[in-house]
């Protein structure tokens, strides 16, 4: 699953332009990345993380794969 800093300056989920990183599509992986504060470090940005990032990933996983988000 791709995360990127969007034009608004916040981290967005899905294929977007800009500085990005990939995260495994697993709720435990997202949880660990959030706990370790790894996402801003990987993005080399202090961009705001959505409060519901983990919930978004879980929701996307429940819906099934979408190439636009991976």
C-alpha atoms as a PDB file:
ATOM      1  CA  UNK A   1       0.000   0.000   0.000  1.00  0.00           C
ATOM      2  CA  UNK A   2       1.451   3.365  -0.995  1.00  0.00           C
ATOM      3  CA  UNK A   3       1.529   6.405   1.252  1.00  0.00           C
ATOM      4  CA  UNK A   4       2.552   9.812  -0.053  1.00  0.00           C
ATOM      5  CA  UNK A   5       2.635  13.420   1.021  1.00  0.00           C
ATOM      6  CA  UNK A   6      -0.154  15.069  -0.934  1.00  0.00           C
ATOM      7  CA  UNK A   7      -0.498  18.617  -2.194  1.00  0.00           C
ATOM      8  CA  UNK A   8      -2.289  19.526   1.034  1.00  0.00           C
ATOM      9  CA  UNK A   9       0.815  18.560   2.994  1.00  0.00           C
ATOM     10  CA  UNK A  10      -0.877  15.599   4.686  1.00  0.00           C
ATOM     11  CA  UNK A  11      -0.119  11.925   4.203  1.00  0.00           C
ATOM     12  CA  UNK A  12      -2.526  10.264   1.775  1.00  0.00           C
ATOM     13  CA  UNK A  13      -3.181   6.595   1.044  1.00  0.00           C
ATOM     14  CA  UNK A  14      -2.991   5.364  -2.529  1.00  0.00           C
ATOM     15  CA  UNK A  15      -1.087   6.153  -5.685  1.00  0.00           C
ATOM     16  CA  UNK A  16      -0.368   9.848  -5.546  1.00  0.00           C
ATOM     17  CA  UNK A  17       2.427  11.977  -6.866  1.00  0.00           C
ATOM     18  CA  UNK A  18       5.125  13.256  -4.585  1.00  0.00           C
ATOM     19  CA  UNK A  19       7.433  11.700  -2.061  1.00  0.00           C
ATOM     20  CA  UNK A  20       6.078   8.302  -1.121  1.00  0.00           C
ATOM     21  CA  UNK A  21       6.761   5.030   0.593  1.00  0.00           C
ATOM     22  CA  UNK A  22       5.180   1.605   0.618  1.00  0.00           C
ATOM     23  CA  UNK A  23       3.664  -0.134   3.612  1.00  0.00           C
ATOM     24  CA  UNK A  24       2.591  -3.749   3.755  1.00  0.00           C
ATOM     25  CA  UNK A  25      -1.227  -4.000   3.662  1.00  0.00           C
ATOM     26  CA  UNK A  26      -1.526  -5.540   7.115  1.00  0.00           C
ATOM     27  CA  UNK A  27      -3.120  -3.810  10.132  1.00  0.00           C
ATOM     28  CA  UNK A  28      -0.291  -5.055  12.394  1.00  0.00           C
ATOM     29  CA  UNK A  29       2.298  -3.568  10.039  1.00  0.00           C
ATOM     30  CA  UNK A  30       0.485  -0.222  10.056  1.00  0.00           C
ATOM     31  CA  UNK A  31       0.198  -0.302  13.842  1.00  0.00           C
ATOM     32  CA  UNK A  32       3.921  -1.001  14.257  1.00  0.00           C
ATOM     33  CA  UNK A  33       4.852   1.744  11.791  1.00  0.00           C
ATOM     34  CA  UNK A  34       2.684   4.228  13.689  1.00  0.00           C
ATOM     35  CA  UNK A  35       4.082   3.182  17.067  1.00  0.00           C
ATOM     36  CA  UNK A  36       7.651   3.549  15.819  1.00  0.00           C
ATOM     37  CA  UNK A  37       6.889   6.821  14.030  1.00  0.00           C
ATOM     38  CA  UNK A  38       8.431   5.254  10.935  1.00  0.00           C
ATOM     39  CA  UNK A  39       6.140   6.815   8.327  1.00  0.00           C
ATOM     40  CA  UNK A  40       7.299  10.443   8.681  1.00  0.00           C
ATOM     41  CA  UNK A  41      10.899   9.244   8.753  1.00  0.00           C
ATOM     42  CA  UNK A  42      10.436   7.203   5.559  1.00  0.00           C
ATOM     43  CA  UNK A  43       8.680  10.094   3.867  1.00  0.00           C
ATOM     44  CA  UNK A  44      11.387  12.482   5.101  1.00  0.00           C
ATOM     45  CA  UNK A  45       8.622  14.826   6.099  1.00  0.00           C
ATOM     46  CA  UNK A  46       6.842  16.044   9.184  1.00  0.00           C
ATOM     47  CA  UNK A  47       3.547  15.868   7.275  1.00  0.00           C
ATOM     48  CA  UNK A  48       0.434  15.252   9.322  1.00  0.00           C
ATOM     49  CA  UNK A  49      -0.672  11.626   9.523  1.00  0.00           C
ATOM     50  CA  UNK A  50      -4.420  11.031   9.318  1.00  0.00           C
ATOM     51  CA  UNK A  51      -5.810  10.038  12.708  1.00  0.00           C
ATOM     52  CA  UNK A  52      -7.687   7.208  11.020  1.00  0.00           C
ATOM     53  CA  UNK A  53      -4.792   5.801   8.971  1.00  0.00           C
ATOM     54  CA  UNK A  54      -5.003   2.359  10.562  1.00  0.00           C
ATOM     55  CA  UNK A  55      -8.787   2.276  10.088  1.00  0.00           C
ATOM     56  CA  UNK A  56      -8.410   3.287   6.417  1.00  0.00           C
ATOM     57  CA  UNK A  57      -5.973   0.439   5.786  1.00  0.00           C
ATOM     58  CA  UNK A  58      -8.239  -2.089   7.518  1.00  0.00           C
ATOM     59  CA  UNK A  59     -11.204  -0.808   5.498  1.00  0.00           C
ATOM     60  CA  UNK A  60      -9.272  -1.075   2.228  1.00  0.00           C
ATOM     61  CA  UNK A  61      -8.224  -4.614   3.085  1.00  0.00           C
ATOM     62  CA  UNK A  62     -11.838  -5.580   3.784  1.00  0.00           C
ATOM     63  CA  UNK A  63     -12.913  -4.173   0.401  1.00  0.00           C
ATOM     64  CA  UNK A  64     -10.285  -6.198  -1.433  1.00  0.00           C
ATOM     65  CA  UNK A  65      -7.352  -5.152  -3.574  1.00  0.00           C
ATOM     66  CA  UNK A  66      -7.601  -1.964  -5.562  1.00  0.00           C
ATOM     67  CA  UNK A  67      -4.667  -1.286  -7.880  1.00  0.00           C
ATOM     68  CA  UNK A  68      -5.203   2.465  -7.441  1.00  0.00           C
ATOM     69  CA  UNK A  69      -4.324   2.178  -3.754  1.00  0.00           C
ATOM     70  CA  UNK A  70      -1.366  -0.195  -3.950  1.00  0.00           C
END
